[in-house]
Amino acid sequence: MALRRSLLLWYQHQGRELPWRNIDDPYAIWVSEIMLQQTQVKTVIPYYQRWLAQFPNIQTLATSDLQTVLKAWEGLGYYTRARNLYKTAQIILKDYRGIFPRELEKVVKLPGIGRTTAGGILSSAFNQPISILDGNVKRVLARLVALSDPPAKAIQFLWDVSDSLLDPDNPRDFNQGLMDLGATICTRSQPKCLLCPWLSHCQAYQQGKQNQLPMREDSSPLPHKKIGVAVIYNNAGEILIDRRPDKGLLGGLWEFPGGKIEENETVEECIKREILEEIAIDIEVGEHLITLDYAYTHFKVTLIVHLCRHVAGEPQAIECQEIRWTTLDEIDSFPFPKANSKIIEALRNNQP
């Protein structure tokens, strides 16, 4: 098939040099595939290299402490991925004697691994003829066939196209080439069509629709939450932090306590109320430290942070897993979400 030949030839000469390429270690490839979910290559590379230095194999990861794993992931976002890596490593150690399974039906049952991630791992590590359909590939295929629907409404059709195009003799390079084509040539905006090996076959280009496709679904504005956050000091100069429940957004990470500002409530009132409800202590809310805007997948938040002083009561973990008094010198040993890391930076800059 001309499409297979032209893509493989293009990939041979134009494919990206990446640290997880030209290896056959399924563990290292699996780590790269998970890190690359929702994250750009240039961001992933240093994390990937540090991760393999710290957790060089499945057994090392499976027998580590979850807090150590989350700390290694700190700043990469979408922390469910790190928890799933950890959980899956433990399953592989227990059920498969530490050897990554080669069967698609077993791999897709592992936490955090869907069909396209499984295809990426098995085709890269073992050259198995299993197709993929990540975001880049959806865009390439949608333009190739001039898809008249948003990709989300034509998933099975796009899987069928990916299956039919896959080179059964060289699936590793074909899948890698397909991802590279989407990442470097068939980009979301201003695709470099004249450099594309599939130019003569691309229906979107022939119809002059390469900048209109793939079609996008209408999306609602993201909800916006305002959060009052407390940096609480005690008389010893220590700072109170709490650990979020393992399940849910940012599960298992540490944070400065606080909560949503209710209607007709001031920031100071919110912070005082939330700390009493969640930790059962009285505090004095002091000066404003920093305001941070942060966007998650399904909502946006504004964190309004105040310096506070512990007045009375013994802290209790009512709505969190654990509470600690710590110092700025020790705080870097705890895994925090990125926004909280900026609070820590502001605290250091605020020191006399």
Protein backbone atom coordinates (compact mmCIF):
# COMPACT_ATOMS: atom_id res chain seq x y z
CA MET A 1 0.00 0.00 0.00
CA ALA A 2 1.37 3.39 -1.07
CA LEU A 3 0.32 5.10 2.20
CA ARG A 4 2.33 2.62 4.27
CA ARG A 5 5.42 2.87 2.10
CA SER A 6 5.44 6.65 1.96
CA LEU A 7 4.95 7.03 5.74
CA LEU A 8 7.69 4.52 6.58
CA LEU A 9 10.10 6.21 4.18
CA TRP A 10 9.27 9.63 5.66
CA TYR A 11 9.70 8.32 9.20
CA GLN A 12 13.05 6.76 8.34
CA HIS A 13 14.39 10.18 7.33
CA GLN A 14 12.26 12.63 9.35
CA GLY A 15 11.25 10.76 12.52
CA ARG A 16 12.10 12.35 15.86
CA GLU A 17 15.02 11.15 17.98
CA LEU A 18 13.43 10.40 21.35
CA PRO A 19 14.86 8.55 24.37
CA TRP A 20 12.12 5.88 24.30
CA ARG A 21 12.71 5.08 20.65
CA ASN A 22 14.92 2.23 19.40
CA ILE A 23 14.50 0.31 22.64
CA ASP A 24 12.49 -2.82 23.39
CA ASP A 25 12.05 -2.49 27.16
CA PRO A 26 8.27 -2.57 27.70
CA TYR A 27 8.61 -0.93 31.13
CA ALA A 28 10.45 2.14 29.81
CA ILE A 29 8.08 2.37 26.83
CA TRP A 30 5.05 2.05 29.12
CA VAL A 31 6.37 4.89 31.34
CA SER A 32 6.84 7.11 28.27
CA GLU A 33 3.34 6.33 26.96
CA ILE A 34 1.73 7.25 30.28
CA MET A 35 3.76 10.45 30.66
CA LEU A 36 2.88 11.50 27.12
CA GLN A 37 -0.85 11.36 27.88
CA GLN A 38 -1.92 15.02 28.08
CA THR A 39 1.71 16.26 28.16
CA GLN A 40 4.08 17.55 25.47
CA VAL A 41 7.25 15.68 24.54
CA LYS A 42 9.63 18.50 25.57
CA THR A 43 8.10 18.53 29.06
CA VAL A 44 8.16 14.75 29.39
CA ILE A 45 11.81 14.06 28.44
CA PRO A 46 13.52 15.28 31.67
CA TYR A 47 10.84 13.65 33.84
CA TYR A 48 11.21 10.39 31.92
CA GLN A 49 14.97 10.36 32.35
CA ARG A 50 14.79 11.15 36.07
CA TRP A 51 12.04 8.57 36.56
CA LEU A 52 14.08 5.74 35.02
CA ALA A 53 17.10 6.73 37.08
CA GLN A 54 15.00 6.56 40.26
CA PHE A 55 12.77 3.61 39.28
CA PRO A 56 14.80 1.60 36.72
CA ASN A 57 12.44 -1.37 36.58
CA ILE A 58 8.99 -2.61 37.56
CA GLN A 59 10.14 -4.12 40.84
CA THR A 60 11.78 -0.88 42.01
CA LEU A 61 8.61 1.07 41.27
CA ALA A 62 6.26 -1.52 42.79
CA THR A 63 8.19 -1.69 46.06
CA SER A 64 8.59 2.08 46.47
CA ASP A 65 6.42 4.30 48.68
CA LEU A 66 3.52 6.09 46.97
CA GLN A 67 4.63 9.45 48.39
CA THR A 68 8.07 8.92 46.79
CA VAL A 69 6.37 8.13 43.48
CA LEU A 70 4.16 11.23 43.66
CA LYS A 71 7.19 13.39 44.53
CA ALA A 72 8.99 12.10 41.41
CA TRP A 73 5.90 13.06 39.36
CA GLU A 74 5.55 16.50 40.98
CA GLY A 75 4.86 19.22 38.41
CA LEU A 76 3.87 16.87 35.58
CA GLY A 77 0.16 17.11 36.39
CA TYR A 78 -2.70 14.60 36.00
CA TYR A 79 -1.44 12.70 39.04
CA THR A 80 -3.84 9.80 38.49
CA ARG A 81 -1.28 8.67 35.91
CA ALA A 82 1.41 8.32 38.58
CA ARG A 83 -0.93 6.44 40.93
CA ASN A 84 -1.90 4.11 38.07
CA LEU A 85 1.76 3.47 37.19
CA TYR A 86 2.40 2.54 40.80
CA LYS A 87 -0.71 0.35 41.07
CA THR A 88 -0.01 -1.39 37.76
CA ALA A 89 3.61 -2.09 38.71
CA GLN A 90 2.35 -3.83 41.86
CA ILE A 91 -0.13 -5.89 39.82
CA ILE A 92 2.56 -6.93 37.32
CA LEU A 93 4.92 -7.89 40.14
CA LYS A 94 2.20 -9.96 41.85
CA ASP A 95 0.35 -11.49 38.89
CA TYR A 96 3.03 -11.65 36.18
CA ARG A 97 6.20 -12.13 38.25
CA GLY A 98 7.40 -8.64 37.31
CA ILE A 99 7.27 -9.28 33.54
CA PHE A 100 5.16 -6.91 31.45
CA PRO A 101 2.43 -8.98 29.74
CA ARG A 102 2.45 -9.31 25.94
CA GLU A 103 -1.25 -10.06 25.41
CA LEU A 104 -3.48 -7.12 24.46
CA GLU A 105 -6.44 -8.40 26.49
CA LYS A 106 -4.27 -8.51 29.63
CA VAL A 107 -2.62 -5.14 29.04
CA VAL A 108 -5.88 -3.19 28.57
CA LYS A 109 -7.12 -4.46 31.95
CA LEU A 110 -4.22 -2.78 33.77
CA PRO A 111 -4.98 0.56 35.52
CA GLY A 112 -4.42 3.60 33.32
CA ILE A 113 -3.88 1.65 30.09
CA GLY A 114 -6.51 1.96 27.39
CA ARG A 115 -6.55 0.53 23.88
CA THR A 116 -4.32 3.14 22.24
CA THR A 117 -1.75 3.12 25.06
CA ALA A 118 -1.67 -0.69 24.95
CA GLY A 119 -1.17 -0.55 21.18
CA GLY A 120 1.65 1.93 21.58
CA ILE A 121 3.43 -0.25 24.15
CA LEU A 122 2.99 -3.59 22.38
CA SER A 123 3.84 -2.31 18.90
CA SER A 124 6.92 -0.44 20.17
CA ALA A 125 8.26 -3.08 22.56
CA PHE A 126 7.35 -6.25 20.66
CA ASN A 127 6.56 -5.04 17.11
CA GLN A 128 3.05 -6.44 17.46
CA PRO A 129 0.56 -5.39 14.73
CA ILE A 130 -1.77 -3.40 16.99
CA SER A 131 -3.12 -0.03 15.87
CA ILE A 132 -3.27 3.20 17.85
CA LEU A 133 -5.58 6.22 17.97
CA ASP A 134 -4.18 9.02 20.12
CA GLY A 135 -5.00 12.70 19.63
CA ASN A 136 -2.40 13.23 16.92
CA VAL A 137 -3.51 10.15 15.01
CA LYS A 138 -7.19 11.14 15.18
CA ARG A 139 -6.31 14.48 13.58
CA VAL A 140 -4.22 12.90 10.80
CA LEU A 141 -6.88 10.34 9.93
CA ALA A 142 -9.74 12.83 10.15
CA ARG A 143 -7.98 15.01 7.56
CA LEU A 144 -6.92 12.06 5.43
CA VAL A 145 -10.56 11.00 4.92
CA ALA A 146 -12.07 14.52 5.29
CA LEU A 147 -14.18 13.34 8.22
CA SER A 148 -17.45 15.26 8.32
CA ASP A 149 -18.06 14.68 12.04
CA PRO A 150 -16.06 15.61 15.14
CA PRO A 151 -13.66 12.71 15.89
CA ALA A 152 -15.39 12.03 19.22
CA LYS A 153 -18.52 11.06 17.29
CA ALA A 154 -16.68 8.76 14.89
CA ILE A 155 -14.30 6.82 17.13
CA GLN A 156 -15.12 3.35 15.81
CA PHE A 157 -14.78 4.53 12.23
CA LEU A 158 -11.36 6.04 12.99
CA TRP A 159 -10.26 2.81 14.69
CA ASP A 160 -11.28 0.95 11.53
CA VAL A 161 -9.20 3.35 9.42
CA SER A 162 -6.21 2.97 11.74
CA ASP A 163 -6.57 -0.83 11.64
CA SER A 164 -6.74 -0.88 7.85
CA LEU A 165 -3.70 1.38 7.39
CA LEU A 166 -1.41 -0.37 9.89
CA ASP A 167 1.60 -2.03 8.32
CA PRO A 168 1.47 -5.63 9.62
CA ASP A 169 5.16 -6.20 8.85
CA ASN A 170 6.52 -3.08 10.54
CA PRO A 171 3.88 -1.85 13.02
CA ARG A 172 6.49 -0.33 15.37
CA ASP A 173 7.81 2.20 12.86
CA PHE A 174 4.40 2.74 11.27
CA ASN A 175 2.73 3.73 14.55
CA GLN A 176 5.68 5.90 15.58
CA GLY A 177 5.64 7.54 12.15
CA LEU A 178 1.90 8.18 12.38
CA MET A 179 2.34 9.91 15.76
CA ASP A 180 5.28 11.95 14.48
CA LEU A 181 3.31 12.98 11.41
CA GLY A 182 0.59 14.42 13.65
CA ALA A 183 3.05 16.03 16.05
CA THR A 184 5.33 17.72 13.50
CA ILE A 185 3.51 18.06 10.14
CA CYS A 186 -0.25 17.55 10.48
CA THR A 187 -0.45 19.95 13.43
CA ARG A 188 -3.62 21.39 14.94
CA SER A 189 -3.08 24.81 13.35
CA GLN A 190 -1.11 25.72 10.24
CA PRO A 191 -0.35 22.16 9.10
CA LYS A 192 2.77 21.86 6.91
CA CYS A 193 0.90 20.12 4.12
CA LEU A 194 3.58 20.55 1.43
CA LEU A 195 5.99 18.49 3.57
CA CYS A 196 3.49 15.68 4.20
CA PRO A 197 4.14 12.23 2.68
CA TRP A 198 0.37 11.73 2.41
CA LEU A 199 -0.31 15.02 0.59
CA SER A 200 -1.56 13.37 -2.63
CA HIS A 201 -3.92 11.11 -0.67
CA CYS A 202 -5.28 13.69 1.79
CA GLN A 203 -8.92 14.48 1.05
CA ALA A 204 -8.96 17.48 3.38
CA TYR A 205 -6.08 19.07 1.42
CA GLN A 206 -7.70 18.28 -1.92
CA GLN A 207 -10.89 19.96 -0.71
CA GLY A 208 -9.00 22.90 0.81
CA LYS A 209 -10.33 22.05 4.27
CA GLN A 210 -7.11 21.21 6.09
CA ASN A 211 -7.53 24.24 8.37
CA GLN A 212 -11.22 23.51 9.08
CA LEU A 213 -10.77 19.82 9.92
CA PRO A 214 -11.07 17.97 12.16
CA MET A 215 -14.42 19.44 13.14
CA ARG A 216 -14.71 20.56 16.75
CA GLU A 217 -17.63 20.03 19.07
CA ASP A 218 -19.15 23.06 20.74
CA SER A 219 -17.91 23.31 24.32
CA SER A 220 -19.41 25.08 27.31
CA PRO A 221 -17.35 27.61 29.26
CA LEU A 222 -15.38 26.00 32.09
CA PRO A 223 -16.78 26.52 35.61
CA HIS A 224 -14.66 28.90 37.69
CA LYS A 225 -14.15 28.34 41.42
CA LYS A 226 -12.61 30.80 43.86
CA ILE A 227 -10.75 29.15 46.72
CA GLY A 228 -9.56 30.67 49.98
CA VAL A 229 -6.24 29.13 51.06
CA ALA A 230 -4.55 29.36 54.46
CA VAL A 231 -0.84 29.22 55.21
CA ILE A 232 -1.12 28.60 58.96
CA TYR A 233 1.85 29.21 61.25
CA ASN A 234 2.09 28.04 64.85
CA ASN A 235 4.13 29.68 67.62
CA ALA A 236 7.15 27.54 66.70
CA GLY A 237 7.15 28.98 63.18
CA GLU A 238 5.95 25.71 61.63
CA ILE A 239 3.44 25.57 58.77
CA LEU A 240 0.35 23.33 58.64
CA ILE A 241 -0.13 21.14 55.55
CA ASP A 242 -2.60 18.33 54.84
CA ARG A 243 -2.68 15.33 52.51
CA ARG A 244 -5.61 14.90 50.16
CA PRO A 245 -7.54 11.60 49.96
CA ASP A 246 -5.89 9.10 47.60
CA LYS A 247 -8.94 8.99 45.34
CA GLY A 248 -10.03 12.01 43.33
CA LEU A 249 -8.34 15.09 41.96
CA LEU A 250 -4.71 15.46 43.09
CA GLY A 251 -5.15 12.38 45.28
CA GLY A 252 -2.42 11.71 47.82
CA LEU A 253 -0.73 15.08 47.33
CA TRP A 254 -0.08 17.61 50.08
CA GLU A 255 -1.57 21.11 50.07
CA PHE A 256 -2.24 24.18 52.13
CA PRO A 257 -5.79 23.84 53.53
CA GLY A 258 -8.74 25.90 52.39
CA GLY A 259 -11.96 25.70 50.42
CA LYS A 260 -14.50 27.28 48.10
CA ILE A 261 -15.61 30.84 48.79
CA GLU A 262 -19.39 30.84 49.15
CA GLU A 263 -21.70 33.55 47.79
CA ASN A 264 -21.69 36.73 49.90
CA GLU A 265 -18.66 35.48 51.85
CA THR A 266 -15.36 37.32 52.12
CA VAL A 267 -12.09 35.49 51.57
CA GLU A 268 -11.20 35.88 55.24
CA GLU A 269 -14.57 34.50 56.36
CA CYS A 270 -14.21 31.55 53.99
CA ILE A 271 -10.73 30.65 55.22
CA LYS A 272 -11.72 30.84 58.89
CA ARG A 273 -14.85 28.72 58.29
CA GLU A 274 -13.14 26.10 56.11
CA ILE A 275 -10.27 25.59 58.55
CA LEU A 276 -12.70 25.14 61.44
CA GLU A 277 -14.83 22.65 59.43
CA GLU A 278 -11.96 20.68 57.91
CA ILE A 279 -9.26 20.78 60.61
CA ALA A 280 -11.17 21.85 63.74
CA ILE A 281 -8.90 24.74 64.77
CA ASP A 282 -9.36 28.46 65.25
CA ILE A 283 -7.07 30.75 63.28
CA GLU A 284 -6.43 34.43 62.82
CA VAL A 285 -6.46 35.34 59.13
CA GLY A 286 -3.67 37.75 58.29
CA GLU A 287 -2.28 39.47 55.22
CA HIS A 288 -2.76 38.40 51.63
CA LEU A 289 0.23 36.46 50.25
CA ILE A 290 -0.53 35.62 46.61
CA THR A 291 -3.39 35.00 44.14
CA LEU A 292 -3.00 32.24 41.55
CA ASP A 293 -5.13 31.31 38.55
CA TYR A 294 -4.98 27.68 37.50
CA ALA A 295 -6.84 25.62 34.88
CA TYR A 296 -7.72 21.94 35.12
CA THR A 297 -9.40 19.86 32.42
CA HIS A 298 -12.97 20.55 33.51
CA PHE A 299 -12.77 23.74 35.56
CA LYS A 300 -10.67 26.77 36.47
CA VAL A 301 -9.69 27.92 39.94
CA THR A 302 -8.44 31.11 41.52
CA LEU A 303 -6.48 30.48 44.72
CA ILE A 304 -6.46 33.47 47.09
CA VAL A 305 -3.82 32.78 49.72
CA HIS A 306 -3.51 34.43 53.12
CA LEU A 307 -0.96 34.09 55.88
CA CYS A 308 -2.68 32.88 59.07
CA ARG A 309 -1.86 32.19 62.74
CA HIS A 310 -2.97 29.19 64.78
CA VAL A 311 -4.99 30.42 67.77
CA ALA A 312 -6.60 27.41 69.45
CA GLY A 313 -7.47 23.73 69.03
CA GLU A 314 -5.63 20.55 68.06
CA PRO A 315 -5.61 19.95 64.26
CA GLN A 316 -7.72 16.97 63.18
CA ALA A 317 -7.77 15.20 59.80
CA ILE A 318 -11.54 15.50 59.28
CA GLU A 319 -11.62 15.84 55.48
CA CYS A 320 -8.07 14.80 54.62
CA GLN A 321 -5.85 11.78 55.17
CA GLU A 322 -3.10 13.30 57.26
CA ILE A 323 -1.91 16.57 58.80
CA ARG A 324 1.66 17.72 59.43
CA TRP A 325 3.41 20.71 60.92
CA THR A 326 6.51 21.34 58.82
CA THR A 327 9.07 24.03 58.06
CA LEU A 328 10.11 25.74 54.85
CA ASP A 329 13.40 23.84 55.06
CA GLU A 330 11.60 20.48 55.14
CA ILE A 331 8.62 21.22 52.92
CA ASP A 332 10.29 20.23 49.64
CA SER A 333 10.27 16.57 50.73
CA PHE A 334 6.45 16.49 50.30
CA PRO A 335 4.77 16.13 46.87
CA PHE A 336 2.64 19.20 46.13
CA PRO A 337 0.49 20.23 43.12
CA LYS A 338 2.11 22.84 40.90
CA ALA A 339 -0.03 25.72 42.19
CA ASN A 340 1.01 24.97 45.78
CA SER A 341 4.65 24.98 44.70
CA LYS A 342 4.15 28.61 43.69
CA ILE A 343 2.78 29.34 47.16
CA ILE A 344 5.94 27.86 48.68
CA GLU A 345 8.04 30.05 46.39
CA ALA A 346 6.07 33.11 47.52
CA LEU A 347 6.62 32.14 51.17
CA ARG A 348 10.36 31.96 50.64
CA ASN A 349 10.35 35.34 48.91
CA ASN A 350 8.27 36.76 51.79
CA GLN A 351 10.80 35.79 54.48
CA PRO A 352 12.50 38.71 56.24
